[in-house]
Amino acid sequence: MSVLHLAAESYRIMWLFCFFDLPVETKKQRKLAAGFRKDLLKDGFGMMQFSVYIRHCASRENLEVHVKRVKNFSPDTGSVSLLAITDKQFGNMINLLGTKATAPPSTPKQLEMF
């Protein structure tokens, strides 16, 4: 692959962030919140922080599929926010754990079929 092609890919590849704050005061609410987290995991999201999940998307079209899915299984109560960024922007993330800066997770190596 040429350098130009790799640079273009870093703007085509997307990351989808899902931030949420769901009520967990009752047993039913806790069950709904746990179900939402399980649905995110089934859809290929990984937990970045307790209420922040991320998913790698090979293209903007692929990202739109996952946005629709999250909208479909989001609970009716609480707050769910979705944010899409390019792979280039994701690569500029700075993670501070304690006093050490760490690099963001690497792009998955698997081929996405859907």
PDB file of N, CA and C in Angstrom:
ATOM      1  N   MET A   1       0.838  -1.186   0.000  1.00  0.00           N
ATOM      2  CA  MET A   1       0.000   0.000   0.000  1.00  0.00           C
ATOM      3  C   MET A   1       0.879   1.243   0.000  1.00  0.00           C
ATOM      4  N   SER A   2       0.459   2.222  -0.744  1.00  0.00           N
ATOM      5  CA  SER A   2       1.211   3.469  -0.777  1.00  0.00           C
ATOM      6  C   SER A   2       0.938   4.287   0.477  1.00  0.00           C
ATOM      7  N   VAL A   3       1.827   5.215   0.749  1.00  0.00           N
ATOM      8  CA  VAL A   3       1.671   6.095   1.906  1.00  0.00           C
ATOM      9  C   VAL A   3       0.396   6.914   1.763  1.00  0.00           C
ATOM     10  N   LEU A   4       0.093   7.364   0.551  1.00  0.00           N
ATOM     11  CA  LEU A   4      -1.116   8.144   0.305  1.00  0.00           C
ATOM     12  C   LEU A   4      -2.360   7.313   0.603  1.00  0.00           C
ATOM     13  N   HIS A   5      -2.347   6.048   0.187  1.00  0.00           N
ATOM     14  CA  HIS A   5      -3.486   5.177   0.447  1.00  0.00           C
ATOM     15  C   HIS A   5      -3.674   4.950   1.937  1.00  0.00           C
ATOM     16  N   LEU A   6      -2.577   4.725   2.671  1.00  0.00           N
ATOM     17  CA  LEU A   6      -2.664   4.536   4.120  1.00  0.00           C
ATOM     18  C   LEU A   6      -3.199   5.784   4.812  1.00  0.00           C
ATOM     19  N   ALA A   7      -2.774   6.951   4.347  1.00  0.00           N
ATOM     20  CA  ALA A   7      -3.268   8.206   4.933  1.00  0.00           C
ATOM     21  C   ALA A   7      -4.763   8.359   4.675  1.00  0.00           C
ATOM     22  N   ALA A   8      -5.211   8.023   3.484  1.00  0.00           N
ATOM     23  CA  ALA A   8      -6.639   8.116   3.169  1.00  0.00           C
ATOM     24  C   ALA A   8      -7.441   7.133   4.016  1.00  0.00           C
ATOM     25  N   GLU A   9      -6.890   5.933   4.260  1.00  0.00           N
ATOM     26  CA  GLU A   9      -7.581   4.938   5.079  1.00  0.00           C
ATOM     27  C   GLU A   9      -7.800   5.433   6.505  1.00  0.00           C
ATOM     28  N   SER A  10      -6.863   6.228   7.035  1.00  0.00           N
ATOM     29  CA  SER A  10      -6.991   6.689   8.417  1.00  0.00           C
ATOM     30  C   SER A  10      -8.166   7.655   8.578  1.00  0.00           C
ATOM     31  N   TYR A  11      -8.670   8.190   7.460  1.00  0.00           N
ATOM     32  CA  TYR A  11      -9.853   9.050   7.520  1.00  0.00           C
ATOM     33  C   TYR A  11     -11.122   8.285   7.158  1.00  0.00           C
ATOM     34  N   ARG A  12     -10.984   7.132   6.517  1.00  0.00           N
ATOM     35  CA  ARG A  12     -12.122   6.316   6.135  1.00  0.00           C
ATOM     36  C   ARG A  12     -12.559   5.406   7.282  1.00  0.00           C
ATOM     37  N   ILE A  13     -11.581   4.845   7.973  1.00  0.00           N
ATOM     38  CA  ILE A  13     -11.856   3.976   9.112  1.00  0.00           C
ATOM     39  C   ILE A  13     -12.394   4.823  10.255  1.00  0.00           C
ATOM     40  N   MET A  14     -13.410   4.327  10.945  1.00  0.00           N
ATOM     41  CA  MET A  14     -14.075   5.103  11.994  1.00  0.00           C
ATOM     42  C   MET A  14     -14.065   4.338  13.322  1.00  0.00           C
ATOM     43  N   TRP A  15     -14.228   5.081  14.388  1.00  0.00           N
ATOM     44  CA  TRP A  15     -14.428   4.532  15.724  1.00  0.00           C
ATOM     45  C   TRP A  15     -15.733   5.110  16.253  1.00  0.00           C
ATOM     46  N   LEU A  16     -16.552   4.257  16.839  1.00  0.00           N
ATOM     47  CA  LEU A  16     -17.827   4.687  17.402  1.00  0.00           C
ATOM     48  C   LEU A  16     -17.753   4.563  18.921  1.00  0.00           C
ATOM     49  N   PHE A  17     -17.955   5.683  19.596  1.00  0.00           N
ATOM     50  CA  PHE A  17     -17.983   5.724  21.053  1.00  0.00           C
ATOM     51  C   PHE A  17     -19.438   5.718  21.503  1.00  0.00           C
ATOM     52  N   CYS A  18     -19.726   4.989  22.545  1.00  0.00           N
ATOM     53  CA  CYS A  18     -21.052   4.989  23.161  1.00  0.00           C
ATOM     54  C   CYS A  18     -20.866   5.350  24.637  1.00  0.00           C
ATOM     55  N   PHE A  19     -21.388   6.511  25.020  1.00  0.00           N
ATOM     56  CA  PHE A  19     -21.345   6.983  26.398  1.00  0.00           C
ATOM     57  C   PHE A  19     -22.756   6.853  26.957  1.00  0.00           C
ATOM     58  N   PHE A  20     -22.897   6.337  28.162  1.00  0.00           N
ATOM     59  CA  PHE A  20     -24.249   6.214  28.695  1.00  0.00           C
ATOM     60  C   PHE A  20     -24.283   6.389  30.205  1.00  0.00           C
ATOM     61  N   ASP A  21     -25.434   6.847  30.639  1.00  0.00           N
ATOM     62  CA  ASP A  21     -25.732   7.005  32.059  1.00  0.00           C
ATOM     63  C   ASP A  21     -27.159   6.499  32.235  1.00  0.00           C
ATOM     64  N   LEU A  22     -27.273   5.285  32.736  1.00  0.00           N
ATOM     65  CA  LEU A  22     -28.578   4.652  32.865  1.00  0.00           C
ATOM     66  C   LEU A  22     -28.956   4.526  34.334  1.00  0.00           C
ATOM     67  N   PRO A  23     -30.242   4.677  34.636  1.00  0.00           N
ATOM     68  CA  PRO A  23     -30.672   4.533  36.039  1.00  0.00           C
ATOM     69  C   PRO A  23     -30.497   3.088  36.511  1.00  0.00           C
ATOM     70  N   VAL A  24     -30.065   2.923  37.764  1.00  0.00           N
ATOM     71  CA  VAL A  24     -29.842   1.588  38.324  1.00  0.00           C
ATOM     72  C   VAL A  24     -30.369   1.498  39.764  1.00  0.00           C
ATOM     73  N   GLU A  25     -31.443   2.249  40.024  1.00  0.00           N
ATOM     74  CA  GLU A  25     -31.987   2.289  41.387  1.00  0.00           C
ATOM     75  C   GLU A  25     -32.851   1.078  41.719  1.00  0.00           C
ATOM     76  N   THR A  26     -33.536   0.536  40.738  1.00  0.00           N
ATOM     77  CA  THR A  26     -34.400  -0.618  40.992  1.00  0.00           C
ATOM     78  C   THR A  26     -33.811  -1.860  40.312  1.00  0.00           C
ATOM     79  N   LYS A  27     -34.326  -3.019  40.710  1.00  0.00           N
ATOM     80  CA  LYS A  27     -33.863  -4.275  40.116  1.00  0.00           C
ATOM     81  C   LYS A  27     -34.121  -4.286  38.607  1.00  0.00           C
ATOM     82  N   LYS A  28     -35.282  -3.788  38.198  1.00  0.00           N
ATOM     83  CA  LYS A  28     -35.637  -3.735  36.770  1.00  0.00           C
ATOM     84  C   LYS A  28     -34.669  -2.823  36.011  1.00  0.00           C
ATOM     85  N   GLN A  29     -34.349  -1.666  36.583  1.00  0.00           N
ATOM     86  CA  GLN A  29     -33.420  -0.733  35.936  1.00  0.00           C
ATOM     87  C   GLN A  29     -32.026  -1.351  35.811  1.00  0.00           C
ATOM     88  N   ARG A  30     -31.572  -2.035  36.853  1.00  0.00           N
ATOM     89  CA  ARG A  30     -30.261  -2.689  36.803  1.00  0.00           C
ATOM     90  C   ARG A  30     -30.233  -3.758  35.721  1.00  0.00           C
ATOM     91  N   LYS A  31     -31.337  -4.491  35.597  1.00  0.00           N
ATOM     92  CA  LYS A  31     -31.427  -5.537  34.566  1.00  0.00           C
ATOM     93  C   LYS A  31     -31.377  -4.917  33.163  1.00  0.00           C
ATOM     94  N   LEU A  32     -32.098  -3.806  32.968  1.00  0.00           N
ATOM     95  CA  LEU A  32     -32.072  -3.117  31.666  1.00  0.00           C
ATOM     96  C   LEU A  32     -30.672  -2.592  31.341  1.00  0.00           C
ATOM     97  N   ALA A  33     -29.990  -2.019  32.336  1.00  0.00           N
ATOM     98  CA  ALA A  33     -28.642  -1.485  32.128  1.00  0.00           C
ATOM     99  C   ALA A  33     -27.667  -2.615  31.787  1.00  0.00           C
ATOM    100  N   ALA A  34     -27.768  -3.730  32.504  1.00  0.00           N
ATOM    101  CA  ALA A  34     -26.898  -4.880  32.229  1.00  0.00           C
ATOM    102  C   ALA A  34     -27.187  -5.446  30.836  1.00  0.00           C
ATOM    103  N   GLY A  35     -28.456  -5.496  30.462  1.00  0.00           N
ATOM    104  CA  GLY A  35     -28.822  -5.973  29.126  1.00  0.00           C
ATOM    105  C   GLY A  35     -28.268  -5.071  28.034  1.00  0.00           C
ATOM    106  N   PHE A  36     -28.292  -3.753  28.276  1.00  0.00           N
ATOM    107  CA  PHE A  36     -27.747  -2.817  27.300  1.00  0.00           C
ATOM    108  C   PHE A  36     -26.245  -3.052  27.124  1.00  0.00           C
ATOM    109  N   ARG A  37     -25.528  -3.238  28.219  1.00  0.00           N
ATOM    110  CA  ARG A  37     -24.085  -3.514  28.136  1.00  0.00           C
ATOM    111  C   ARG A  37     -23.831  -4.816  27.369  1.00  0.00           C
ATOM    112  N   LYS A  38     -24.633  -5.838  27.642  1.00  0.00           N
ATOM    113  CA  LYS A  38     -24.478  -7.115  26.940  1.00  0.00           C
ATOM    114  C   LYS A  38     -24.746  -6.958  25.449  1.00  0.00           C
ATOM    115  N   ASP A  39     -25.748  -6.151  25.103  1.00  0.00           N
ATOM    116  CA  ASP A  39     -26.048  -5.906  23.687  1.00  0.00           C
ATOM    117  C   ASP A  39     -24.887  -5.187  23.004  1.00  0.00           C
ATOM    118  N   LEU A  40     -24.266  -4.240  23.699  1.00  0.00           N
ATOM    119  CA  LEU A  40     -23.099  -3.561  23.134  1.00  0.00           C
ATOM    120  C   LEU A  40     -21.977  -4.566  22.862  1.00  0.00           C
ATOM    121  N   LEU A  41     -21.716  -5.433  23.812  1.00  0.00           N
ATOM    122  CA  LEU A  41     -20.667  -6.444  23.639  1.00  0.00           C
ATOM    123  C   LEU A  41     -20.993  -7.383  22.480  1.00  0.00           C
ATOM    124  N   LYS A  42     -22.258  -7.802  22.360  1.00  0.00           N
ATOM    125  CA  LYS A  42     -22.673  -8.677  21.256  1.00  0.00           C
ATOM    126  C   LYS A  42     -22.483  -7.989  19.909  1.00  0.00           C
ATOM    127  N   ASP A  43     -22.604  -6.658  19.893  1.00  0.00           N
ATOM    128  CA  ASP A  43     -22.454  -5.905  18.642  1.00  0.00           C
ATOM    129  C   ASP A  43     -20.995  -5.531  18.374  1.00  0.00           C
ATOM    130  N   GLY A  44     -20.069  -6.050  19.152  1.00  0.00           N
ATOM    131  CA  GLY A  44     -18.657  -5.831  18.869  1.00  0.00           C
ATOM    132  C   GLY A  44     -18.013  -4.665  19.587  1.00  0.00           C
ATOM    133  N   PHE A  45     -18.726  -4.040  20.511  1.00  0.00           N
ATOM    134  CA  PHE A  45     -18.136  -2.958  21.291  1.00  0.00           C
ATOM    135  C   PHE A  45     -17.255  -3.553  22.378  1.00  0.00           C
ATOM    136  N   GLY A  46     -16.270  -2.792  22.804  1.00  0.00           N
ATOM    137  CA  GLY A  46     -15.442  -3.161  23.937  1.00  0.00           C
ATOM    138  C   GLY A  46     -15.537  -2.078  24.989  1.00  0.00           C
ATOM    139  N   MET A  47     -15.387  -2.466  26.241  1.00  0.00           N
ATOM    140  CA  MET A  47     -15.493  -1.487  27.318  1.00  0.00           C
ATOM    141  C   MET A  47     -14.185  -0.723  27.453  1.00  0.00           C
ATOM    142  N   MET A  48     -14.274   0.605  27.347  1.00  0.00           N
ATOM    143  CA  MET A  48     -13.121   1.468  27.562  1.00  0.00           C
ATOM    144  C   MET A  48     -13.102   1.932  29.019  1.00  0.00           C
ATOM    145  N   GLN A  49     -14.254   2.312  29.514  1.00  0.00           N
ATOM    146  CA  GLN A  49     -14.491   2.636  30.914  1.00  0.00           C
ATOM    147  C   GLN A  49     -15.871   2.088  31.241  1.00  0.00           C
ATOM    148  N   PHE A  50     -16.287   2.163  32.491  1.00  0.00           N
ATOM    149  CA  PHE A  50     -17.532   1.506  32.881  1.00  0.00           C
ATOM    150  C   PHE A  50     -18.724   1.928  32.022  1.00  0.00           C
ATOM    151  N   SER A  51     -18.890   3.190  31.730  1.00  0.00           N
ATOM    152  CA  SER A  51     -20.023   3.653  30.922  1.00  0.00           C
ATOM    153  C   SER A  51     -19.584   4.219  29.581  1.00  0.00           C
ATOM    154  N   VAL A  52     -18.427   3.770  29.104  1.00  0.00           N
ATOM    155  CA  VAL A  52     -17.903   4.194  27.804  1.00  0.00           C
ATOM    156  C   VAL A  52     -17.455   2.948  27.047  1.00  0.00           C
ATOM    157  N   TYR A  53     -18.117   2.685  25.931  1.00  0.00           N
ATOM    158  CA  TYR A  53     -17.772   1.542  25.091  1.00  0.00           C
ATOM    159  C   TYR A  53     -17.355   2.060  23.718  1.00  0.00           C
ATOM    160  N   ILE A  54     -16.431   1.339  23.055  1.00  0.00           N
ATOM    161  CA  ILE A  54     -15.960   1.759  21.736  1.00  0.00           C
ATOM    162  C   ILE A  54     -16.018   0.586  20.767  1.00  0.00           C
ATOM    163  N   ARG A  55     -16.170   0.947  19.480  1.00  0.00           N
ATOM    164  CA  ARG A  55     -16.203  -0.066  18.436  1.00  0.00           C
ATOM    165  C   ARG A  55     -15.485   0.437  17.201  1.00  0.00           C
ATOM    166  N   HIS A  56     -14.628  -0.400  16.646  1.00  0.00           N
ATOM    167  CA  HIS A  56     -13.936  -0.111  15.394  1.00  0.00           C
ATOM    168  C   HIS A  56     -14.894  -0.386  14.237  1.00  0.00           C
ATOM    169  N   CYS A  57     -14.955   0.522  13.281  1.00  0.00           N
ATOM    170  CA  CYS A  57     -15.805   0.348  12.100  1.00  0.00           C
ATOM    171  C   CYS A  57     -14.954   0.566  10.854  1.00  0.00           C
ATOM    172  N   ALA A  58     -15.017  -0.361   9.921  1.00  0.00           N
ATOM    173  CA  ALA A  58     -14.170  -0.319   8.737  1.00  0.00           C
ATOM    174  C   ALA A  58     -14.511   0.827   7.788  1.00  0.00           C
ATOM    175  N   SER A  59     -15.722   1.365   7.888  1.00  0.00           N
ATOM    176  CA  SER A  59     -16.141   2.447   6.986  1.00  0.00           C
ATOM    177  C   SER A  59     -17.280   3.228   7.636  1.00  0.00           C
ATOM    178  N   ARG A  60     -17.601   4.358   7.026  1.00  0.00           N
ATOM    179  CA  ARG A  60     -18.729   5.153   7.524  1.00  0.00           C
ATOM    180  C   ARG A  60     -20.044   4.381   7.374  1.00  0.00           C
ATOM    181  N   GLU A  61     -20.169   3.609   6.296  1.00  0.00           N
ATOM    182  CA  GLU A  61     -21.381   2.806   6.091  1.00  0.00           C
ATOM    183  C   GLU A  61     -21.523   1.764   7.206  1.00  0.00           C
ATOM    184  N   ASN A  62     -20.418   1.121   7.555  1.00  0.00           N
ATOM    185  CA  ASN A  62     -20.425   0.145   8.639  1.00  0.00           C
ATOM    186  C   ASN A  62     -20.786   0.819   9.953  1.00  0.00           C
ATOM    187  N   LEU A  63     -20.292   2.016  10.159  1.00  0.00           N
ATOM    188  CA  LEU A  63     -20.600   2.777  11.366  1.00  0.00           C
ATOM    189  C   LEU A  63     -22.099   3.044  11.469  1.00  0.00           C
ATOM    190  N   GLU A  64     -22.715   3.422  10.360  1.00  0.00           N
ATOM    191  CA  GLU A  64     -24.153   3.718  10.369  1.00  0.00           C
ATOM    192  C   GLU A  64     -24.979   2.493  10.755  1.00  0.00           C
ATOM    193  N   VAL A  65     -24.543   1.307  10.346  1.00  0.00           N
ATOM    194  CA  VAL A  65     -25.231   0.072  10.729  1.00  0.00           C
ATOM    195  C   VAL A  65     -25.237  -0.066  12.247  1.00  0.00           C
ATOM    196  N   HIS A  66     -24.091   0.191  12.876  1.00  0.00           N
ATOM    197  CA  HIS A  66     -23.987   0.020  14.323  1.00  0.00           C
ATOM    198  C   HIS A  66     -24.705   1.137  15.083  1.00  0.00           C
ATOM    199  N   VAL A  67     -24.746   2.328  14.518  1.00  0.00           N
ATOM    200  CA  VAL A  67     -25.525   3.413  15.135  1.00  0.00           C
ATOM    201  C   VAL A  67     -26.993   3.002  15.184  1.00  0.00           C
ATOM    202  N   LYS A  68     -27.513   2.464  14.085  1.00  0.00           N
ATOM    203  CA  LYS A  68     -28.915   2.029  14.048  1.00  0.00           C
ATOM    204  C   LYS A  68     -29.180   0.927  15.064  1.00  0.00           C
ATOM    205  N   ARG A  69     -28.243  -0.016  15.180  1.00  0.00           N
ATOM    206  CA  ARG A  69     -28.424  -1.106  16.138  1.00  0.00           C
ATOM    207  C   ARG A  69     -28.493  -0.580  17.570  1.00  0.00           C
ATOM    208  N   VAL A  70     -27.568   0.322  17.913  1.00  0.00           N
ATOM    209  CA  VAL A  70     -27.563   0.877  19.279  1.00  0.00           C
ATOM    210  C   VAL A  70     -28.857   1.634  19.532  1.00  0.00           C
ATOM    211  N   LYS A  71     -29.314   2.392  18.548  1.00  0.00           N
ATOM    212  CA  LYS A  71     -30.588   3.104  18.707  1.00  0.00           C
ATOM    213  C   LYS A  71     -31.723   2.120  18.977  1.00  0.00           C
ATOM    214  N   ASN A  72     -31.693   0.978  18.308  1.00  0.00           N
ATOM    215  CA  ASN A  72     -32.762  -0.015  18.468  1.00  0.00           C
ATOM    216  C   ASN A  72     -32.758  -0.695  19.830  1.00  0.00           C
ATOM    217  N   PHE A  73     -31.579  -0.934  20.412  1.00  0.00           N
ATOM    218  CA  PHE A  73     -31.582  -1.630  21.705  1.00  0.00           C
ATOM    219  C   PHE A  73     -31.308  -0.720  22.898  1.00  0.00           C
ATOM    220  N   SER A  74     -31.296   0.597  22.689  1.00  0.00           N
ATOM    221  CA  SER A  74     -31.113   1.529  23.806  1.00  0.00           C
ATOM    222  C   SER A  74     -32.354   1.560  24.683  1.00  0.00           C
ATOM    223  N   PRO A  75     -32.156   1.599  26.009  1.00  0.00           N
ATOM    224  CA  PRO A  75     -33.307   1.686  26.916  1.00  0.00           C
ATOM    225  C   PRO A  75     -34.053   3.008  26.737  1.00  0.00           C
ATOM    226  N   ASP A  76     -35.313   3.021  27.135  1.00  0.00           N
ATOM    227  CA  ASP A  76     -36.130   4.238  27.019  1.00  0.00           C
ATOM    228  C   ASP A  76     -35.785   5.275  28.078  1.00  0.00           C
ATOM    229  N   THR A  77     -35.121   4.853  29.148  1.00  0.00           N
ATOM    230  CA  THR A  77     -34.752   5.787  30.211  1.00  0.00           C
ATOM    231  C   THR A  77     -33.238   5.976  30.228  1.00  0.00           C
ATOM    232  N   GLY A  78     -32.793   7.062  30.835  1.00  0.00           N
ATOM    233  CA  GLY A  78     -31.369   7.331  30.925  1.00  0.00           C
ATOM    234  C   GLY A  78     -30.863   8.099  29.717  1.00  0.00           C
ATOM    235  N   SER A  79     -29.559   8.162  29.607  1.00  0.00           N
ATOM    236  CA  SER A  79     -28.916   8.941  28.557  1.00  0.00           C
ATOM    237  C   SER A  79     -27.900   8.075  27.819  1.00  0.00           C
ATOM    238  N   VAL A  80     -28.000   8.048  26.489  1.00  0.00           N
ATOM    239  CA  VAL A  80     -27.040   7.339  25.646  1.00  0.00           C
ATOM    240  C   VAL A  80     -26.578   8.324  24.584  1.00  0.00           C
ATOM    241  N   SER A  81     -25.264   8.502  24.469  1.00  0.00           N
ATOM    242  CA  SER A  81     -24.690   9.400  23.467  1.00  0.00           C
ATOM    243  C   SER A  81     -23.734   8.615  22.593  1.00  0.00           C
ATOM    244  N   LEU A  82     -23.765   8.881  21.290  1.00  0.00           N
ATOM    245  CA  LEU A  82     -22.867   8.236  20.342  1.00  0.00           C
ATOM    246  C   LEU A  82     -21.983   9.297  19.701  1.00  0.00           C
ATOM    247  N   LEU A  83     -20.712   8.972  19.548  1.00  0.00           N
ATOM    248  CA  LEU A  83     -19.754   9.886  18.934  1.00  0.00           C
ATOM    249  C   LEU A  83     -18.909   9.102  17.951  1.00  0.00           C
ATOM    250  N   ALA A  84     -18.822   9.570  16.705  1.00  0.00           N
ATOM    251  CA  ALA A  84     -18.004   8.930  15.686  1.00  0.00           C
ATOM    252  C   ALA A  84     -16.773   9.794  15.420  1.00  0.00           C
ATOM    253  N   ILE A  85     -15.618   9.146  15.387  1.00  0.00           N
ATOM    254  CA  ILE A  85     -14.384   9.855  15.041  1.00  0.00           C
ATOM    255  C   ILE A  85     -13.601   9.012  14.040  1.00  0.00           C
ATOM    256  N   THR A  86     -12.701   9.647  13.312  1.00  0.00           N
ATOM    257  CA  THR A  86     -11.882   8.920  12.349  1.00  0.00           C
ATOM    258  C   THR A  86     -10.765   8.182  13.077  1.00  0.00           C
ATOM    259  N   ASP A  87     -10.176   7.220  12.383  1.00  0.00           N
ATOM    260  CA  ASP A  87      -9.045   6.486  12.941  1.00  0.00           C
ATOM    261  C   ASP A  87      -7.877   7.439  13.212  1.00  0.00           C
ATOM    262  N   LYS A  88      -7.721   8.434  12.360  1.00  0.00           N
ATOM    263  CA  LYS A  88      -6.660   9.437  12.548  1.00  0.00           C
ATOM    264  C   LYS A  88      -6.874  10.184  13.865  1.00  0.00           C
ATOM    265  N   GLN A  89      -8.098  10.617  14.126  1.00  0.00           N
ATOM    266  CA  GLN A  89      -8.403  11.314  15.384  1.00  0.00           C
ATOM    267  C   GLN A  89      -8.205  10.382  16.575  1.00  0.00           C
ATOM    268  N   PHE A  90      -8.632   9.130  16.430  1.00  0.00           N
ATOM    269  CA  PHE A  90      -8.484   8.152  17.501  1.00  0.00           C
ATOM    270  C   PHE A  90      -7.010   7.951  17.847  1.00  0.00           C
ATOM    271  N   GLY A  91      -6.176   7.957  16.825  1.00  0.00           N
ATOM    272  CA  GLY A  91      -4.743   7.787  17.028  1.00  0.00           C
ATOM    273  C   GLY A  91      -4.106   8.926  17.796  1.00  0.00           C
ATOM    274  N   ASN A  92      -4.768  10.072  17.844  1.00  0.00           N
ATOM    275  CA  ASN A  92      -4.243  11.225  18.579  1.00  0.00           C
ATOM    276  C   ASN A  92      -4.691  11.246  20.038  1.00  0.00           C
ATOM    277  N   MET A  93      -5.462  10.245  20.460  1.00  0.00           N
ATOM    278  CA  MET A  93      -5.950  10.199  21.835  1.00  0.00           C
ATOM    279  C   MET A  93      -4.782  10.027  22.802  1.00  0.00           C
ATOM    280  N   ILE A  94      -4.866  10.707  23.912  1.00  0.00           N
ATOM    281  CA  ILE A  94      -3.889  10.563  24.987  1.00  0.00           C
ATOM    282  C   ILE A  94      -4.613   9.964  26.182  1.00  0.00           C
ATOM    283  N   ASN A  95      -4.139   8.823  26.646  1.00  0.00           N
ATOM    284  CA  ASN A  95      -4.727   8.169  27.812  1.00  0.00           C
ATOM    285  C   ASN A  95      -3.763   8.312  28.982  1.00  0.00           C
ATOM    286  N   LEU A  96      -4.253   8.820  30.084  1.00  0.00           N
ATOM    287  CA  LEU A  96      -3.444   8.974  31.281  1.00  0.00           C
ATOM    288  C   LEU A  96      -3.939   7.992  32.331  1.00  0.00           C
ATOM    289  N   LEU A  97      -3.101   7.079  32.700  1.00  0.00           N
ATOM    290  CA  LEU A  97      -3.423   6.096  33.723  1.00  0.00           C
ATOM    291  C   LEU A  97      -2.446   6.319  34.868  1.00  0.00           C
ATOM    292  N   GLY A  98      -2.944   6.858  35.950  1.00  0.00           N
ATOM    293  CA  GLY A  98      -2.035   7.247  37.020  1.00  0.00           C
ATOM    294  C   GLY A  98      -1.208   8.415  36.520  1.00  0.00           C
ATOM    295  N   THR A  99       0.086   8.242  36.433  1.00  0.00           N
ATOM    296  CA  THR A  99       0.949   9.317  35.943  1.00  0.00           C
ATOM    297  C   THR A  99       1.589   8.983  34.611  1.00  0.00           C
ATOM    298  N   LYS A 100       1.284   7.803  34.044  1.00  0.00           N
ATOM    299  CA  LYS A 100       1.899   7.396  32.783  1.00  0.00           C
ATOM    300  C   LYS A 100       0.927   7.574  31.628  1.00  0.00           C
ATOM    301  N   ALA A 101       1.398   8.142  30.535  1.00  0.00           N
ATOM    302  CA  ALA A 101       0.595   8.247  29.319  1.00  0.00           C
ATOM    303  C   ALA A 101       0.705   6.931  28.567  1.00  0.00           C
ATOM    304  N   THR A 102      -0.409   6.452  28.016  1.00  0.00           N
ATOM    305  CA  THR A 102      -0.403   5.220  27.232  1.00  0.00           C
ATOM    306  C   THR A 102      -1.008   5.468  25.865  1.00  0.00           C
ATOM    307  N   ALA A 103      -0.614   4.661  24.913  1.00  0.00           N
ATOM    308  CA  ALA A 103      -1.151   4.768  23.551  1.00  0.00           C
ATOM    309  C   ALA A 103      -2.556   4.194  23.522  1.00  0.00           C
ATOM    310  N   PRO A 104      -3.408   4.685  22.599  1.00  0.00           N
ATOM    311  CA  PRO A 104      -4.749   4.112  22.471  1.00  0.00           C
ATOM    312  C   PRO A 104      -4.655   2.679  21.965  1.00  0.00           C
ATOM    313  N   PRO A 105      -5.711   1.887  22.145  1.00  0.00           N
ATOM    314  CA  PRO A 105      -5.695   0.510  21.643  1.00  0.00           C
ATOM    315  C   PRO A 105      -5.449   0.497  20.141  1.00  0.00           C
ATOM    316  N   SER A 106      -4.767  -0.529  19.643  1.00  0.00           N
ATOM    317  CA  SER A 106      -4.482  -0.596  18.211  1.00  0.00           C
ATOM    318  C   SER A 106      -5.720  -1.001  17.433  1.00  0.00           C
ATOM    319  N   THR A 107      -5.700  -0.706  16.144  1.00  0.00           N
ATOM    320  CA  THR A 107      -6.792  -1.076  15.251  1.00  0.00           C
ATOM    321  C   THR A 107      -6.858  -2.590  15.155  1.00  0.00           C
ATOM    322  N   PRO A 108      -8.038  -3.181  15.272  1.00  0.00           N
ATOM    323  CA  PRO A 108      -8.160  -4.639  15.160  1.00  0.00           C
ATOM    324  C   PRO A 108      -7.626  -5.133  13.825  1.00  0.00           C
ATOM    325  N   LYS A 109      -7.036  -6.309  13.821  1.00  0.00           N
ATOM    326  CA  LYS A 109      -6.442  -6.877  12.615  1.00  0.00           C
ATOM    327  C   LYS A 109      -7.409  -7.760  11.830  1.00  0.00           C
ATOM    328  N   GLN A 110      -8.568  -8.092  12.401  1.00  0.00           N
ATOM    329  CA  GLN A 110      -9.482  -8.995  11.731  1.00  0.00           C
ATOM    330  C   GLN A 110     -10.221  -8.301  10.594  1.00  0.00           C
ATOM    331  N   LEU A 111     -10.676  -9.081   9.665  1.00  0.00           N
ATOM    332  CA  LEU A 111     -11.482  -8.593   8.548  1.00  0.00           C
ATOM    333  C   LEU A 111     -12.930  -8.563   8.976  1.00  0.00           C
ATOM    334  N   GLU A 112     -13.604  -7.440   8.758  1.00  0.00           N
ATOM    335  CA  GLU A 112     -15.026  -7.340   9.104  1.00  0.00           C
ATOM    336  C   GLU A 112     -15.854  -7.693   7.884  1.00  0.00           C
ATOM    337  N   MET A 113     -16.820  -8.577   8.085  1.00  0.00           N
ATOM    338  CA  MET A 113     -17.640  -9.044   6.969  1.00  0.00           C
ATOM    339  C   MET A 113     -18.977  -8.341   6.901  1.00  0.00           C
ATOM    340  N   PHE A 114     -19.440  -7.717   7.997  1.00  0.00           N
ATOM    341  CA  PHE A 114     -20.772  -7.108   8.006  1.00  0.00           C
ATOM    342  C   PHE A 114     -20.663  -5.663   8.340  1.00  0.00           C
TER     343      PHE A 114
END
